[in-house]
Protein backbone atom coordinates (compact mmCIF):
# COMPACT_ATOMS: atom_id res chain seq x y z
CA MET A 1 -0.20 -0.14 0.02
CA THR A 2 3.17 2.72 0.56
CA ASP A 3 3.37 2.76 -3.13
CA HIS A 4 -0.26 3.16 -4.14
CA ILE A 5 -0.34 5.69 -1.58
CA LYS A 6 2.54 8.27 -2.83
CA PRO A 7 -0.22 9.86 -5.67
CA ILE A 8 -2.28 10.59 -3.03
CA GLN A 9 0.13 12.42 -0.96
CA ARG A 10 1.28 13.91 -3.43
CA LYS A 11 -1.77 16.53 -3.20
CA CYS A 12 -1.12 17.09 1.02
CA PRO A 13 -4.88 16.42 1.71
CA ASP A 14 -5.87 17.66 5.14
CA LYS A 15 -7.34 14.14 6.01
CA LEU A 16 -6.53 10.67 4.92
CA ILE A 17 -8.52 8.35 5.70
CA LEU A 18 -6.65 4.94 5.87
CA HIS A 19 -9.55 2.00 4.57
CA VAL A 20 -7.19 -0.85 4.33
CA GLY A 21 -6.73 -4.16 5.43
CA THR A 22 -9.04 -6.90 4.70
CA ASN A 23 -7.70 -8.12 1.61
CA ASN A 24 -4.48 -9.71 3.19
CA LEU A 25 -6.61 -11.52 6.07
CA ARG A 26 -5.35 -14.50 4.89
CA GLY A 27 -2.27 -16.05 5.78
CA ARG A 28 -1.38 -12.94 7.47
CA GLY A 29 0.19 -14.36 11.13
CA ALA A 30 -1.57 -12.90 14.76
CA PRO A 31 -4.22 -10.19 14.57
CA SER A 32 -1.61 -8.14 15.78
CA LYS A 33 1.02 -8.59 12.63
CA HIS A 34 -1.89 -7.64 10.82
CA ALA A 35 -2.69 -4.28 12.61
CA GLN A 36 0.74 -3.50 13.29
CA GLU A 37 1.11 -3.13 9.87
CA ILE A 38 -2.05 -1.15 9.20
CA ILE A 39 -0.38 1.39 11.91
CA SER A 40 2.79 0.97 9.97
CA LEU A 41 1.36 2.65 6.85
CA ALA A 42 -0.16 5.87 8.66
CA GLU A 43 3.22 6.43 10.73
CA SER A 44 4.59 6.47 7.35
CA VAL A 45 2.24 8.98 5.31
CA LYS A 46 2.13 10.94 9.26
CA ASN A 47 6.03 11.18 8.89
CA THR A 48 5.47 12.45 5.03
CA LEU A 49 2.87 14.86 5.67
CA PRO A 50 2.76 16.10 9.61
CA GLU A 51 0.02 18.75 8.81
CA THR A 52 -2.02 15.51 7.46
CA GLU A 53 -5.17 14.19 10.28
CA VAL A 54 -4.88 10.10 9.29
CA ILE A 55 -7.58 8.56 10.67
CA ILE A 56 -7.85 4.50 9.92
CA SER A 57 -10.91 2.93 8.57
CA GLY A 58 -12.00 -0.58 10.69
CA LEU A 59 -12.15 -2.97 8.86
CA ILE A 60 -15.75 -3.97 7.50
CA ASN A 61 -16.66 -7.93 8.45
CA ARG A 62 -17.02 -10.67 6.39
CA VAL A 63 -19.12 -13.78 6.43
CA ASP A 64 -17.77 -16.11 3.75
CA ASP A 65 -14.92 -17.33 6.10
CA ASP A 66 -15.91 -17.28 10.34
CA ALA A 67 -12.46 -17.76 11.34
CA LEU A 68 -11.21 -14.36 8.76
CA GLY A 69 -14.46 -13.26 10.11
CA ASN A 70 -13.46 -13.84 14.12
CA LYS A 71 -9.86 -12.29 12.64
CA VAL A 72 -11.43 -8.96 11.27
CA ASN A 73 -13.11 -8.46 14.94
CA GLN A 74 -8.90 -9.32 16.84
CA VAL A 75 -7.69 -7.33 14.07
CA ASN A 76 -10.11 -4.11 14.97
CA LYS A 77 -9.99 -4.60 18.16
CA VAL A 78 -5.81 -3.98 18.45
CA LEU A 79 -6.17 -1.34 15.42
CA LYS A 80 -8.23 0.69 18.07
CA GLN A 81 -5.75 -0.01 21.06
CA MET A 82 -3.64 1.31 18.73
CA CYS A 83 -4.48 3.93 17.55
CA ASN A 84 -5.14 5.45 21.29
CA GLN A 85 -1.51 4.73 21.41
CA HIS A 86 -0.32 6.53 18.40
CA HIS A 87 -2.31 9.27 18.15
CA CYS A 88 -4.63 8.32 15.42
CA LYS A 89 -8.53 8.39 14.68
CA PHE A 90 -10.11 5.26 13.95
CA ILE A 91 -13.53 4.70 12.65
CA GLU A 92 -15.88 2.23 13.63
CA HIS A 93 -17.84 0.32 11.30
CA SER A 94 -19.73 -2.04 13.50
CA ASN A 95 -22.97 -0.58 12.14
CA ILE A 96 -22.21 -2.58 8.67
CA THR A 97 -23.70 -5.99 9.15
CA PRO A 98 -23.95 -9.14 6.86
CA SER A 99 -27.29 -7.28 5.10
CA HIS A 100 -25.00 -5.06 3.85
CA LEU A 101 -22.83 -7.27 1.79
CA ASN A 102 -23.13 -9.06 -1.40
CA ARG A 103 -23.63 -12.78 -2.39
CA SER A 104 -19.91 -13.34 -1.32
CA GLY A 105 -20.26 -12.44 2.03
CA ILE A 106 -17.05 -10.46 1.43
CA HIS A 107 -17.22 -7.18 -0.25
CA LEU A 108 -19.90 -4.41 0.21
CA SER A 109 -23.87 -4.34 -1.45
CA LYS A 110 -24.93 -0.91 -2.89
CA MET A 111 -26.21 -0.23 0.50
CA GLY A 112 -23.07 -1.51 2.42
CA THR A 113 -21.42 1.49 0.39
CA ALA A 114 -23.90 3.66 1.26
CA LYS A 115 -23.24 2.58 5.02
CA LEU A 116 -19.63 3.34 4.84
CA SER A 117 -19.57 6.28 3.05
CA ARG A 118 -22.68 7.76 5.81
CA ASN A 119 -19.33 6.50 8.50
CA PHE A 120 -16.78 8.48 6.55
CA ASN A 121 -18.95 11.69 6.41
CA LYS A 122 -20.01 11.39 9.56
CA TYR A 123 -16.61 11.66 10.51
CA ILE A 124 -15.45 13.94 8.34
CA TYR A 125 -18.03 16.83 9.14
CA ASN A 126 -18.56 15.55 12.76
CA LYS A 127 -21.94 15.08 12.39
CA LYS A 128 -23.41 13.43 15.41
CA ASP A 129 -26.19 10.58 14.89
């Protein structure tokens, strides 16, 4: 992801939401290792763009594989803790349920994508429910 994020960094955004990680869960070791990789990416962005607010988006649950679904929850739990330690903001997506996934049980449906978008907008514009 470090290479993929370089074009975005050149634009020097005020805020940058990192929504990464779900596709890499299979075979990537412990949840803490996976969470650390995401935090490292955020730290890299913060070092390059100290004026940019870096926000980490929680992983979206998946229902195609029970073990991976459980790992998503574990990674999110560790990520929240690490975000507090590293002064990163965290966007929770607990309101995205299996009904917001498409038939594969992995990707968001149109309703799920709309829900994710609302979660991002809610954070960006500091909206309350």
